[in-house]
C-alpha atoms as a PDB file:
ATOM      1  CA  MET A   1      78.079 161.181 -65.661  1.00  0.00           C
ATOM      2  CA  ASN A   2      78.295 164.387 -68.040  1.00  0.00           C
ATOM      3  CA  ASN A   3      75.668 166.776 -68.966  1.00  0.00           C
ATOM      4  CA  ASP A   4      75.060 165.228 -72.399  1.00  0.00           C
ATOM      5  CA  GLN A   5      74.691 161.807 -70.597  1.00  0.00           C
ATOM      6  CA  LYS A   6      72.189 163.011 -68.268  1.00  0.00           C
ATOM      7  CA  ASN A   7      70.180 164.607 -71.173  1.00  0.00           C
ATOM      8  CA  LEU A   8      69.779 161.509 -72.807  1.00  0.00           C
ATOM      9  CA  TRP A   9      68.911 159.389 -69.832  1.00  0.00           C
ATOM     10  CA  GLN A  10      66.251 162.198 -69.009  1.00  0.00           C
ATOM     11  CA  SER A  11      65.015 161.685 -72.243  1.00  0.00           C
ATOM     12  CA  LEU A  12      64.548 158.356 -72.620  1.00  0.00           C
ATOM     13  CA  SER A  13      62.601 158.136 -69.091  1.00  0.00           C
ATOM     14  CA  TYR A  14      60.140 160.172 -71.104  1.00  0.00           C
ATOM     15  CA  LEU A  15      59.814 157.996 -74.056  1.00  0.00           C
ATOM     16  CA  LEU A  16      60.520 153.959 -72.784  1.00  0.00           C
ATOM     17  CA  ARG A  17      58.521 152.489 -69.762  1.00  0.00           C
ATOM     18  CA  ALA A  18      60.452 151.754 -66.645  1.00  0.00           C
ATOM     19  CA  HIS A  19      61.822 148.504 -65.234  1.00  0.00           C
ATOM     20  CA  PRO A  20      59.883 147.951 -62.459  1.00  0.00           C
ATOM     21  CA  TRP A  21      62.942 146.656 -60.274  1.00  0.00           C
ATOM     22  CA  HIS A  22      65.260 149.139 -61.811  1.00  0.00           C
ATOM     23  CA  GLY A  23      63.488 152.057 -63.255  1.00  0.00           C
ATOM     24  CA  ILE A  24      61.095 153.122 -60.584  1.00  0.00           C
ATOM     25  CA  SER A  25      62.900 154.744 -57.627  1.00  0.00           C
ATOM     26  CA  ILE A  26      62.655 153.016 -53.845  1.00  0.00           C
ATOM     27  CA  GLY A  27      61.455 156.162 -52.725  1.00  0.00           C
ATOM     28  CA  LYS A  28      62.607 159.521 -51.228  1.00  0.00           C
ATOM     29  CA  GLU A  29      61.379 158.533 -48.076  1.00  0.00           C
ATOM     30  CA  ALA A  30      62.549 155.571 -47.532  1.00  0.00           C
ATOM     31  CA  PRO A  31      62.717 153.226 -45.656  1.00  0.00           C
ATOM     32  CA  HIS A  32      60.244 154.882 -43.382  1.00  0.00           C
ATOM     33  CA  THR A  33      58.067 155.284 -46.827  1.00  0.00           C
ATOM     34  CA  VAL A  34      58.725 152.908 -49.849  1.00  0.00           C
ATOM     35  CA  ASN A  35      57.390 152.563 -53.193  1.00  0.00           C
ATOM     36  CA  ALA A  36      56.132 149.092 -53.842  1.00  0.00           C
ATOM     37  CA  TYR A  37      55.098 147.664 -57.054  1.00  0.00           C
ATOM     38  CA  VAL A  38      52.265 145.243 -57.069  1.00  0.00           C
ATOM     39  CA  GLU A  39      52.465 142.079 -59.070  1.00  0.00           C
ATOM     40  CA  THR A  40      49.152 140.304 -57.333  1.00  0.00           C
ATOM     41  CA  VAL A  41      46.262 141.294 -55.672  1.00  0.00           C
ATOM     42  CA  PRO A  42      43.788 139.135 -53.686  1.00  0.00           C
ATOM     43  CA  THR A  43      41.113 138.556 -56.436  1.00  0.00           C
ATOM     44  CA  ASP A  44      43.657 136.523 -58.540  1.00  0.00           C
ATOM     45  CA  THR A  45      43.470 133.415 -59.520  1.00  0.00           C
ATOM     46  CA  VAL A  46      46.707 133.240 -61.023  1.00  0.00           C
ATOM     47  CA  LYS A  47      49.936 134.225 -59.115  1.00  0.00           C
ATOM     48  CA  TYR A  48      51.964 136.706 -61.387  1.00  0.00           C
ATOM     49  CA  GLU A  49      55.251 137.856 -61.218  1.00  0.00           C
ATOM     50  CA  ILE A  50      57.703 139.947 -62.533  1.00  0.00           C
ATOM     51  CA  ASP A  51      59.865 138.741 -65.380  1.00  0.00           C
ATOM     52  CA  LYS A  52      63.514 139.793 -64.335  1.00  0.00           C
ATOM     53  CA  LYS A  53      64.917 140.673 -67.706  1.00  0.00           C
ATOM     54  CA  SER A  54      62.414 142.204 -69.464  1.00  0.00           C
ATOM     55  CA  GLY A  55      60.106 143.691 -66.666  1.00  0.00           C
ATOM     56  CA  ILE A  56      57.291 142.688 -68.089  1.00  0.00           C
ATOM     57  CA  LEU A  57      54.405 140.757 -65.840  1.00  0.00           C
ATOM     58  CA  LYS A  58      54.096 137.077 -66.284  1.00  0.00           C
ATOM     59  CA  VAL A  59      52.096 134.056 -65.167  1.00  0.00           C
ATOM     60  CA  ASP A  60      54.304 132.663 -62.603  1.00  0.00           C
ATOM     61  CA  ARG A  61      51.649 129.571 -61.891  1.00  0.00           C
ATOM     62  CA  PRO A  62      48.557 129.213 -61.381  1.00  0.00           C
ATOM     63  CA  GLN A  63      46.151 129.096 -57.704  1.00  0.00           C
ATOM     64  CA  LYS A  64      46.007 125.598 -57.590  1.00  0.00           C
ATOM     65  CA  TYR A  65      44.321 125.008 -54.508  1.00  0.00           C
ATOM     66  CA  SER A  66      41.920 127.717 -52.159  1.00  0.00           C
ATOM     67  CA  SER A  67      45.019 129.698 -50.581  1.00  0.00           C
ATOM     68  CA  ILE A  68      44.988 133.297 -52.246  1.00  0.00           C
ATOM     69  CA  CYS A  69      47.109 135.844 -50.566  1.00  0.00           C
ATOM     70  CA  PRO A  70      45.138 138.068 -48.818  1.00  0.00           C
ATOM     71  CA  THR A  71      46.889 141.523 -49.557  1.00  0.00           C
ATOM     72  CA  LEU A  72      48.386 143.140 -52.196  1.00  0.00           C
ATOM     73  CA  TYR A  73      51.909 141.962 -52.879  1.00  0.00           C
ATOM     74  CA  GLY A  74      54.800 142.681 -54.744  1.00  0.00           C
ATOM     75  CA  PHE A  75      58.388 143.977 -53.965  1.00  0.00           C
ATOM     76  CA  ILE A  76      60.088 147.110 -53.171  1.00  0.00           C
ATOM     77  CA  PRO A  77      62.150 148.776 -56.503  1.00  0.00           C
ATOM     78  CA  GLN A  78      65.744 148.756 -55.893  1.00  0.00           C
ATOM     79  CA  THR A  79      65.912 146.048 -53.651  1.00  0.00           C
ATOM     80  CA  TYR A  80      68.043 142.567 -53.659  1.00  0.00           C
ATOM     81  CA  CYS A  81      68.431 140.041 -51.432  1.00  0.00           C
ATOM     82  CA  ALA A  82      71.789 138.730 -51.031  1.00  0.00           C
ATOM     83  CA  ASN A  83      74.712 139.242 -48.607  1.00  0.00           C
ATOM     84  CA  ASN A  84      73.337 141.649 -45.895  1.00  0.00           C
ATOM     85  CA  ILE A  85      70.026 140.407 -45.972  1.00  0.00           C
ATOM     86  CA  ALA A  86      71.298 136.953 -45.329  1.00  0.00           C
ATOM     87  CA  GLU A  87      73.737 137.707 -42.722  1.00  0.00           C
ATOM     88  CA  PHE A  88      70.829 139.437 -41.050  1.00  0.00           C
ATOM     89  CA  CYS A  89      68.796 136.580 -40.960  1.00  0.00           C
ATOM     90  CA  ARG A  90      72.014 134.316 -39.961  1.00  0.00           C
ATOM     91  CA  GLU A  91      72.575 137.186 -36.891  1.00  0.00           C
ATOM     92  CA  ARG A  92      68.673 136.573 -35.473  1.00  0.00           C
ATOM     93  CA  THR A  93      68.062 133.020 -36.198  1.00  0.00           C
ATOM     94  CA  GLY A  94      71.501 131.742 -35.165  1.00  0.00           C
ATOM     95  CA  ARG A  95      71.654 129.511 -38.326  1.00  0.00           C
ATOM     96  CA  ARG A  96      75.265 129.555 -40.542  1.00  0.00           C
ATOM     97  CA  ASP A  97      73.553 128.172 -43.766  1.00  0.00           C
ATOM     98  CA  ILE A  98      71.285 130.581 -44.577  1.00  0.00           C
ATOM     99  CA  VAL A  99      71.804 132.654 -48.209  1.00  0.00           C
ATOM    100  CA  GLY A 100      70.078 135.620 -49.427  1.00  0.00           C
ATOM    101  CA  ASP A 101      67.320 134.467 -52.775  1.00  0.00           C
ATOM    102  CA  ASP A 102      68.609 136.757 -55.132  1.00  0.00           C
ATOM    103  CA  ASP A 103      64.844 138.824 -55.467  1.00  0.00           C
ATOM    104  CA  PRO A 104      64.193 141.803 -54.852  1.00  0.00           C
ATOM    105  CA  LEU A 105      62.798 142.445 -51.212  1.00  0.00           C
ATOM    106  CA  ASP A 106      58.924 141.103 -51.108  1.00  0.00           C
ATOM    107  CA  VAL A 107      56.459 143.592 -49.791  1.00  0.00           C
ATOM    108  CA  CYS A 108      52.894 142.760 -48.613  1.00  0.00           C
ATOM    109  CA  VAL A 109      50.454 146.017 -48.782  1.00  0.00           C
ATOM    110  CA  LEU A 110      47.092 146.397 -46.666  1.00  0.00           C
ATOM    111  CA  THR A 111      44.470 148.840 -47.467  1.00  0.00           C
ATOM    112  CA  GLU A 112      40.825 148.993 -47.531  1.00  0.00           C
ATOM    113  CA  LYS A 113      40.186 149.502 -51.190  1.00  0.00           C
ATOM    114  CA  THR A 114      39.597 147.203 -53.747  1.00  0.00           C
ATOM    115  CA  ILE A 115      42.336 147.143 -56.143  1.00  0.00           C
ATOM    116  CA  SER A 116      41.662 145.025 -59.264  1.00  0.00           C
ATOM    117  CA  HIS A 117      44.713 144.214 -60.878  1.00  0.00           C
ATOM    118  CA  GLY A 118      48.484 144.442 -60.351  1.00  0.00           C
ATOM    119  CA  ASP A 119      51.318 145.949 -62.565  1.00  0.00           C
ATOM    120  CA  ILE A 120      50.454 149.376 -60.687  1.00  0.00           C
ATOM    121  CA  ILE A 121      52.852 151.428 -57.946  1.00  0.00           C
ATOM    122  CA  VAL A 122      51.777 152.199 -54.359  1.00  0.00           C
ATOM    123  CA  ARG A 123      53.122 154.170 -51.481  1.00  0.00           C
ATOM    124  CA  ALA A 124      53.376 152.155 -48.763  1.00  0.00           C
ATOM    125  CA  ILE A 125      54.330 152.734 -45.129  1.00  0.00           C
ATOM    126  CA  PRO A 126      56.213 149.288 -43.378  1.00  0.00           C
ATOM    127  CA  ILE A 127      55.253 148.324 -40.160  1.00  0.00           C
ATOM    128  CA  GLY A 128      56.940 144.808 -39.233  1.00  0.00           C
ATOM    129  CA  GLY A 129      57.366 142.015 -41.231  1.00  0.00           C
ATOM    130  CA  PHE A 130      57.838 137.784 -41.282  1.00  0.00           C
ATOM    131  CA  ARG A 131      61.379 136.346 -41.413  1.00  0.00           C
ATOM    132  CA  MET A 132      60.861 133.442 -43.753  1.00  0.00           C
ATOM    133  CA  ILE A 133      62.933 130.812 -44.607  1.00  0.00           C
ATOM    134  CA  ASP A 134      62.268 129.299 -48.039  1.00  0.00           C
ATOM    135  CA  ASN A 135      64.689 126.225 -48.692  1.00  0.00           C
ATOM    136  CA  GLY A 136      67.839 127.985 -47.061  1.00  0.00           C
ATOM    137  CA  GLN A 137      67.142 131.151 -48.748  1.00  0.00           C
ATOM    138  CA  ALA A 138      65.949 134.360 -46.453  1.00  0.00           C
ATOM    139  CA  ASP A 139      63.120 135.228 -48.153  1.00  0.00           C
ATOM    140  CA  ASP A 140      61.742 138.370 -45.966  1.00  0.00           C
ATOM    141  CA  LYS A 141      58.153 139.459 -46.191  1.00  0.00           C
ATOM    142  CA  ILE A 142      57.818 143.335 -45.284  1.00  0.00           C
ATOM    143  CA  ILE A 143      54.370 143.955 -44.124  1.00  0.00           C
ATOM    144  CA  ALA A 144      53.243 147.697 -44.870  1.00  0.00           C
ATOM    145  CA  VAL A 145      50.016 149.719 -44.890  1.00  0.00           C
ATOM    146  CA  MET A 146      49.322 151.961 -48.035  1.00  0.00           C
ATOM    147  CA  HIS A 147      50.154 155.375 -47.808  1.00  0.00           C
ATOM    148  CA  ASN A 148      46.677 157.805 -46.723  1.00  0.00           C
ATOM    149  CA  ASP A 149      44.690 154.362 -46.575  1.00  0.00           C
ATOM    150  CA  GLY A 150      41.486 155.394 -44.768  1.00  0.00           C
ATOM    151  CA  LEU A 151      41.595 152.465 -42.450  1.00  0.00           C
ATOM    152  CA  TYR A 152      44.594 150.516 -42.235  1.00  0.00           C
ATOM    153  CA  SER A 153      47.175 153.995 -42.228  1.00  0.00           C
ATOM    154  CA  GLN A 154      47.031 154.419 -38.714  1.00  0.00           C
ATOM    155  CA  TRP A 155      48.315 151.433 -38.134  1.00  0.00           C
ATOM    156  CA  ARG A 156      52.147 151.512 -37.466  1.00  0.00           C
ATOM    157  CA  GLU A 157      53.083 148.816 -35.882  1.00  0.00           C
ATOM    158  CA  VAL A 158      52.705 145.103 -36.946  1.00  0.00           C
ATOM    159  CA  ALA A 159      51.110 144.486 -32.882  1.00  0.00           C
ATOM    160  CA  ASN A 160      48.546 147.051 -34.543  1.00  0.00           C
ATOM    161  CA  CYS A 161      46.996 143.810 -36.776  1.00  0.00           C
ATOM    162  CA  PRO A 162      44.559 141.688 -35.192  1.00  0.00           C
ATOM    163  CA  GLN A 163      46.270 138.451 -34.768  1.00  0.00           C
ATOM    164  CA  ALA A 164      43.929 136.676 -36.928  1.00  0.00           C
ATOM    165  CA  PHE A 165      44.649 138.924 -39.870  1.00  0.00           C
ATOM    166  CA  ILE A 166      48.639 137.822 -39.179  1.00  0.00           C
ATOM    167  CA  GLU A 167      47.903 134.111 -39.189  1.00  0.00           C
ATOM    168  CA  ARG A 168      45.743 134.142 -42.130  1.00  0.00           C
ATOM    169  CA  LEU A 169      48.863 136.125 -43.780  1.00  0.00           C
ATOM    170  CA  ARG A 170      51.475 133.149 -42.516  1.00  0.00           C
ATOM    171  CA  HIS A 171      49.443 130.430 -43.577  1.00  0.00           C
ATOM    172  CA  TYR A 172      49.482 131.933 -46.745  1.00  0.00           C
ATOM    173  CA  PHE A 173      53.054 132.035 -46.912  1.00  0.00           C
ATOM    174  CA  LEU A 174      53.646 128.339 -45.222  1.00  0.00           C
ATOM    175  CA  THR A 175      51.483 126.720 -47.795  1.00  0.00           C
ATOM    176  CA  TYR A 176      51.355 128.652 -50.923  1.00  0.00           C
ATOM    177  CA  LYS A 177      54.092 126.287 -52.643  1.00  0.00           C
ATOM    178  CA  ASP A 178      53.175 123.286 -51.212  1.00  0.00           C
ATOM    179  CA  LEU A 179      50.824 120.543 -53.008  1.00  0.00           C
ATOM    180  CA  PRO A 180      48.291 118.795 -50.645  1.00  0.00           C
ATOM    181  CA  SER A 181      50.944 115.528 -50.707  1.00  0.00           C
ATOM    182  CA  SER A 182      53.885 117.688 -49.440  1.00  0.00           C
ATOM    183  CA  THR A 183      54.959 115.839 -46.082  1.00  0.00           C
ATOM    184  CA  LYS A 184      57.951 118.085 -45.560  1.00  0.00           C
ATOM    185  CA  PRO A 185      56.961 122.019 -45.782  1.00  0.00           C
ATOM    186  CA  SER A 186      59.525 124.014 -48.056  1.00  0.00           C
ATOM    187  CA  CYS A 187      58.734 127.705 -45.840  1.00  0.00           C
ATOM    188  CA  GLU A 188      59.193 128.629 -42.269  1.00  0.00           C
ATOM    189  CA  ILE A 189      58.510 131.711 -40.712  1.00  0.00           C
ATOM    190  CA  THR A 190      61.056 131.985 -37.529  1.00  0.00           C
ATOM    191  CA  ASN A 191      59.589 135.277 -36.195  1.00  0.00           C
ATOM    192  CA  VAL A 192      57.106 138.658 -36.939  1.00  0.00           C
ATOM    193  CA  TYR A 193      59.159 141.525 -36.458  1.00  0.00           C
ATOM    194  CA  ASN A 194      58.470 145.253 -35.597  1.00  0.00           C
ATOM    195  CA  ARG A 195      58.798 148.352 -37.753  1.00  0.00           C
ATOM    196  CA  GLU A 196      62.441 148.839 -36.419  1.00  0.00           C
ATOM    197  CA  GLU A 197      63.345 145.562 -37.757  1.00  0.00           C
ATOM    198  CA  ALA A 198      61.682 146.296 -41.012  1.00  0.00           C
ATOM    199  CA  LEU A 199      63.092 149.274 -41.579  1.00  0.00           C
ATOM    200  CA  GLU A 200      66.525 147.964 -41.103  1.00  0.00           C
ATOM    201  CA  VAL A 201      65.593 144.819 -43.317  1.00  0.00           C
ATOM    202  CA  ILE A 202      64.932 147.315 -45.969  1.00  0.00           C
ATOM    203  CA  LEU A 203      68.021 149.249 -45.543  1.00  0.00           C
ATOM    204  CA  ARG A 204      69.907 146.107 -45.874  1.00  0.00           C
ATOM    205  CA  ALA A 205      68.119 144.821 -49.374  1.00  0.00           C
ATOM    206  CA  ARG A 206      68.913 148.590 -50.345  1.00  0.00           C
ATOM    207  CA  GLN A 207      72.790 148.361 -49.800  1.00  0.00           C
ATOM    208  CA  ASP A 208      72.951 144.406 -51.707  1.00  0.00           C
ATOM    209  CA  TYR A 209      70.904 146.286 -54.546  1.00  0.00           C
ATOM    210  CA  LEU A 210      73.655 149.060 -54.857  1.00  0.00           C
ATOM    211  CA  GLU A 211      76.447 146.588 -54.244  1.00  0.00           C
ATOM    212  CA  LYS A 212      74.908 144.467 -57.168  1.00  0.00           C
ATOM    213  CA  PHE A 213      73.999 147.231 -59.588  1.00  0.00           C
ATOM    214  CA  PRO A 214      76.451 149.772 -58.806  1.00  0.00           C
ATOM    215  CA  HIS A 215      76.140 151.034 -62.583  1.00  0.00           C
ATOM    216  CA  LEU A 216      72.638 150.992 -62.808  1.00  0.00           C
ATOM    217  CA  GLU A 217      72.271 153.384 -59.710  1.00  0.00           C
ATOM    218  CA  GLN A 218      74.798 155.592 -61.295  1.00  0.00           C
ATOM    219  CA  MET A 219      73.506 155.893 -64.658  1.00  0.00           C
ATOM    220  CA  MET A 220      69.894 156.135 -63.596  1.00  0.00           C
ATOM    221  CA  GLY A 221      69.282 157.519 -59.846  1.00  0.00           C
ATOM    222  CA  GLU A 222      69.517 161.267 -60.673  1.00  0.00           C
ATOM    223  CA  THR A 223      67.070 160.811 -63.635  1.00  0.00           C
ATOM    224  CA  ILE A 224      64.264 158.744 -62.204  1.00  0.00           C
ATOM    225  CA  GLU A 225      61.415 160.347 -60.481  1.00  0.00           C
ATOM    226  CA  GLU A 226      60.443 159.502 -56.694  1.00  0.00           C
END
């Protein structure tokens, strides 16, 4: 990229809203501390999700039943779940039929503060995660704490979380897509993993992103603030 191109991208970054998936950095300290884009908060009665093409938050579906995510929920920018994520899931589960879900890597962020709406960025420290499989697709959920949170930032491992809270979060993800009449769950969680494994999942999702969007990384990587 020559200087004129760099200057153009720098100018555009000041004038235009960044795409939450591509235009926001994963963070200089990744994977140990990452940026997290929040789509949904615990008070939402509607599940919001980013529109991948436009970058605008959209209504995915109303929450028809009482299951509500107990944490901030969104994704880690500039990550993608494809071959590297799927291979890691296959290694850990011994199942050879797993593929990536072709989405950014999901993240749940714990904080003691009440945050009233999504479409925001928070810095988060990964402490573990769920190895979730959704209809044969690897759909990991990273569990993180908000950076400098007064209560939760002292936690460094998912084992620090009360078991009742982990079970509540697990129950949400195992049921949030199912109707009451469902006889066969669409999602399963094979295990809860620790911080070290969560960092590996983030690195693999980052590699999947770089392989999927090499030109975006080259054009924007030097101009987006971290």
